[in-house]
Amino acid sequence: MSDIALFEKYGTSFVNNEIIFKEGEEGNQMYIIQEGSVKISRVIGTVEHTIDILKKGDFFGEMAIVSRIKRTANATAIGNVQLLAFNREGFIQMIEKNAKIGLNIIDRLCRRLEHANTQIKRLVKKDIKSLIAMNLYYLIQGKEIDVNNLHYDRTTHNIAQNMELPLKLVQEKFIDFEKEAVITISDNKIIINNIDKLKE
């Protein structure tokens, strides 16, 4: 299928600064950029952080049709943008008709995964404290966790095990959290004082 035929069947256009999708939205399409650029960003706290600027040939939004999860970031058009938009069925049909496109997407996904792993390794080396805070934050988001009854010993032990860190190091960071008034440790219990600061 030619590029013109592909665009006639799957094409969609966006103008400058138009939002393609927002973080947290349900999604059933992925996109391949034909013209223009797309900004991928996330809002952390109240600040928008640009994750990547994608250009012609790049794709995004694939998790919505591969894993069927909600959008994990915002996508915004930079300039006038032309995209190919595929739902799950359309994506499968496209790959069946053009194996090279499927191989190209697999190659790009592998490169993304390699890049993400590199970033994670750098982050681990750079800021253990932030990762421990992230683990605590996601722990208290779990429906099965009673936020008002968090056991200090159990929680620090679980985080140390999950992150493969020395227990003493995790406990030291919890003491830092207490000094910063994010939490209070009392009678082997953790009291969350400022969940917004913990999230930040």
Protein backbone atom coordinates (compact mmCIF):
# COMPACT_ATOMS: atom_id res chain seq x y z
CA MET A 1 0.00 0.00 0.00
CA SER A 2 1.44 3.42 -0.99
CA ASP A 3 1.94 6.28 1.47
CA ILE A 4 -0.94 8.18 -0.16
CA ALA A 5 -3.26 5.19 0.12
CA LEU A 6 -2.20 4.66 3.75
CA PHE A 7 -2.96 8.27 4.62
CA GLU A 8 -6.32 8.17 2.82
CA LYS A 9 -7.29 5.14 4.91
CA TYR A 10 -5.63 5.86 8.27
CA GLY A 11 -4.58 9.54 8.13
CA THR A 12 -5.48 12.27 10.62
CA SER A 13 -4.17 15.81 11.07
CA PHE A 14 -3.53 18.16 14.01
CA VAL A 15 -2.62 21.86 14.15
CA ASN A 16 0.09 23.47 16.28
CA ASN A 17 -0.37 22.96 20.05
CA GLU A 18 -3.41 20.74 19.53
CA ILE A 19 -3.59 17.94 22.10
CA ILE A 20 -3.57 14.49 20.52
CA PHE A 21 -4.24 12.73 23.81
CA LYS A 22 -3.83 13.34 27.54
CA GLU A 23 -2.24 11.27 30.29
CA GLY A 24 -4.80 9.03 32.00
CA GLU A 25 -7.20 8.89 29.06
CA GLU A 26 -8.47 5.64 27.63
CA GLY A 27 -6.94 4.97 24.24
CA ASN A 28 -7.53 2.58 21.36
CA GLN A 29 -5.12 3.94 18.74
CA MET A 30 -1.40 4.24 18.10
CA TYR A 31 0.14 6.79 15.78
CA ILE A 32 2.97 6.99 13.23
CA ILE A 33 4.19 10.48 12.34
CA GLN A 34 4.10 11.31 8.63
CA GLU A 35 4.81 15.04 8.85
CA GLY A 36 5.66 17.42 11.67
CA SER A 37 6.71 16.76 15.27
CA VAL A 38 4.97 15.62 18.45
CA LYS A 39 5.88 16.53 22.03
CA ILE A 40 5.52 13.75 24.61
CA SER A 41 5.25 15.09 28.16
CA ARG A 42 4.12 14.31 31.70
CA VAL A 43 2.92 16.57 34.49
CA ILE A 44 4.75 15.95 37.77
CA GLY A 45 3.29 17.98 40.60
CA THR A 46 2.23 21.12 38.75
CA VAL A 47 5.10 21.22 36.26
CA GLU A 48 4.98 19.79 32.74
CA HIS A 49 8.14 17.89 31.81
CA THR A 50 8.99 17.14 28.19
CA ILE A 51 10.00 13.50 27.81
CA ASP A 52 10.73 13.47 24.10
CA ILE A 53 10.18 15.27 20.80
CA LEU A 54 9.19 12.77 18.11
CA LYS A 55 9.62 13.35 14.39
CA LYS A 56 8.68 11.84 11.04
CA GLY A 57 8.82 8.06 11.14
CA ASP A 58 8.50 7.85 14.93
CA PHE A 59 5.46 6.25 16.54
CA PHE A 60 3.73 6.64 19.89
CA GLY A 61 0.66 5.53 21.83
CA GLU A 62 1.35 1.87 21.08
CA MET A 63 0.75 0.73 24.68
CA ALA A 64 -2.95 1.49 24.25
CA ILE A 65 -3.32 -1.26 21.65
CA VAL A 66 -0.53 -3.61 22.78
CA SER A 67 -1.27 -3.69 26.52
CA ARG A 68 -4.61 -1.84 26.46
CA ILE A 69 -3.62 0.47 29.30
CA LYS A 70 -4.51 4.15 29.80
CA ARG A 71 -2.32 6.82 28.27
CA THR A 72 0.87 7.22 30.31
CA ALA A 73 1.78 10.68 28.93
CA ASN A 74 0.48 13.68 27.01
CA ALA A 75 0.98 14.04 23.25
CA THR A 76 0.85 17.52 21.68
CA ALA A 77 1.31 18.60 18.07
CA ILE A 78 4.26 20.86 17.24
CA GLY A 79 3.37 22.69 14.06
CA ASN A 80 0.99 21.09 11.60
CA VAL A 81 1.14 17.34 12.07
CA GLN A 82 -0.02 14.46 9.91
CA LEU A 83 -0.36 11.05 11.53
CA LEU A 84 -1.38 7.55 10.64
CA ALA A 85 -3.77 6.32 13.35
CA PHE A 86 -4.27 2.59 13.85
CA ASN A 87 -6.54 0.68 16.18
CA ARG A 88 -5.54 -2.85 17.14
CA GLU A 89 -7.22 -4.47 14.15
CA GLY A 90 -5.87 -1.92 11.69
CA PHE A 91 -2.37 -2.30 13.13
CA ILE A 92 -2.47 -6.07 12.71
CA GLN A 93 -3.75 -5.74 9.13
CA MET A 94 -0.99 -3.25 8.29
CA ILE A 95 1.71 -5.58 9.61
CA GLU A 96 0.23 -8.53 7.73
CA LYS A 97 0.41 -6.55 4.48
CA ASN A 98 3.81 -4.98 5.14
CA ALA A 99 6.18 -7.02 7.32
CA LYS A 100 8.88 -4.35 7.03
CA ILE A 101 6.73 -1.91 9.01
CA GLY A 102 6.26 -4.51 11.75
CA LEU A 103 9.99 -5.20 11.90
CA ASN A 104 10.73 -1.48 12.01
CA ILE A 105 8.35 -1.01 14.94
CA ILE A 106 9.86 -3.97 16.79
CA ASP A 107 13.34 -2.53 16.22
CA ARG A 108 12.28 0.88 17.57
CA LEU A 109 10.58 -0.71 20.59
CA CYS A 110 13.79 -2.61 21.39
CA ARG A 111 15.79 0.63 21.13
CA ARG A 112 13.30 2.38 23.42
CA LEU A 113 13.58 -0.43 25.95
CA GLU A 114 17.36 -0.29 25.85
CA HIS A 115 17.26 3.49 26.30
CA ALA A 116 14.79 3.18 29.20
CA ASN A 117 17.00 0.58 30.92
CA THR A 118 20.00 2.89 30.58
CA GLN A 119 18.02 5.77 32.09
CA ILE A 120 16.87 3.59 34.97
CA LYS A 121 20.43 2.51 35.73
CA ARG A 122 21.57 6.13 35.73
CA LEU A 123 18.67 7.12 37.95
CA VAL A 124 19.43 4.33 40.43
CA LYS A 125 23.02 5.49 40.71
CA LYS A 126 22.03 9.15 40.88
CA ASP A 127 19.18 9.20 43.37
CA ILE A 128 18.38 6.19 45.53
CA LYS A 129 16.34 8.42 47.84
CA SER A 130 13.87 9.35 45.08
CA LEU A 131 13.40 5.70 44.15
CA ILE A 132 12.73 4.74 47.76
CA ALA A 133 10.21 7.60 47.98
CA MET A 134 8.58 6.35 44.78
CA ASN A 135 8.31 2.83 46.21
CA LEU A 136 6.71 4.15 49.40
CA TYR A 137 4.31 6.34 47.41
CA TYR A 138 3.11 3.50 45.19
CA LEU A 139 2.89 1.21 48.20
CA ILE A 140 0.40 3.48 49.94
CA GLN A 141 -1.60 3.83 46.73
CA GLY A 142 -2.44 0.13 46.90
CA LYS A 143 -6.01 -0.55 47.94
CA GLU A 144 -4.91 -3.37 50.21
CA ILE A 145 -2.66 -1.06 52.25
CA ASP A 146 -3.99 0.69 55.36
CA VAL A 147 -2.20 4.05 55.23
CA ASN A 148 -2.98 4.66 58.89
CA ASN A 149 -1.37 1.41 59.95
CA LEU A 150 1.97 1.23 58.11
CA HIS A 151 4.52 -0.82 60.05
CA TYR A 152 7.99 0.69 59.86
CA ASP A 153 9.98 -2.56 60.11
CA ARG A 154 7.81 -4.42 57.60
CA THR A 155 7.67 -1.52 55.13
CA THR A 156 11.40 -0.80 55.11
CA HIS A 157 12.17 -4.52 54.86
CA ASN A 158 9.81 -4.95 51.88
CA ILE A 159 11.23 -1.93 50.05
CA ALA A 160 14.80 -3.11 50.70
CA GLN A 161 13.91 -6.53 49.27
CA ASN A 162 12.08 -5.11 46.24
CA MET A 163 14.94 -2.76 45.38
CA GLU A 164 17.70 -5.18 46.38
CA LEU A 165 19.20 -2.58 48.71
CA PRO A 166 20.74 -2.90 52.19
CA LEU A 167 18.05 -2.48 54.85
CA LYS A 168 20.23 0.04 56.68
CA LEU A 169 20.35 2.30 53.60
CA VAL A 170 16.54 2.26 53.26
CA GLN A 171 16.15 3.06 56.95
CA GLU A 172 18.58 5.98 56.61
CA LYS A 173 16.44 7.46 53.83
CA PHE A 174 13.30 7.05 55.95
CA ILE A 175 15.04 9.06 58.67
CA ASP A 176 15.68 11.74 56.03
CA PHE A 177 11.98 11.72 55.16
CA GLU A 178 11.17 12.22 58.83
CA LYS A 179 13.60 15.15 59.13
CA GLU A 180 11.88 16.73 56.13
CA ALA A 181 8.48 16.28 57.84
CA VAL A 182 7.22 14.04 55.06
CA ILE A 183 6.59 11.21 57.52
CA THR A 184 6.67 10.56 61.26
CA ILE A 185 8.02 7.30 62.69
CA SER A 186 6.49 6.41 66.05
CA ASP A 187 6.01 3.10 67.89
CA ASN A 188 7.15 1.15 64.81
CA LYS A 189 4.54 2.87 62.67
CA ILE A 190 4.83 5.29 59.76
CA ILE A 191 2.52 8.29 59.64
CA ILE A 192 2.31 10.07 56.29
CA ASN A 193 2.37 13.82 56.95
CA ASN A 194 2.67 15.19 53.43
CA ILE A 195 1.77 12.87 50.58
CA ASP A 196 2.16 15.66 47.98
CA LYS A 197 5.77 16.24 49.02
CA LEU A 198 6.39 12.48 48.95
CA LYS A 199 4.98 12.31 45.42
CA GLU A 200 7.08 15.27 44.33
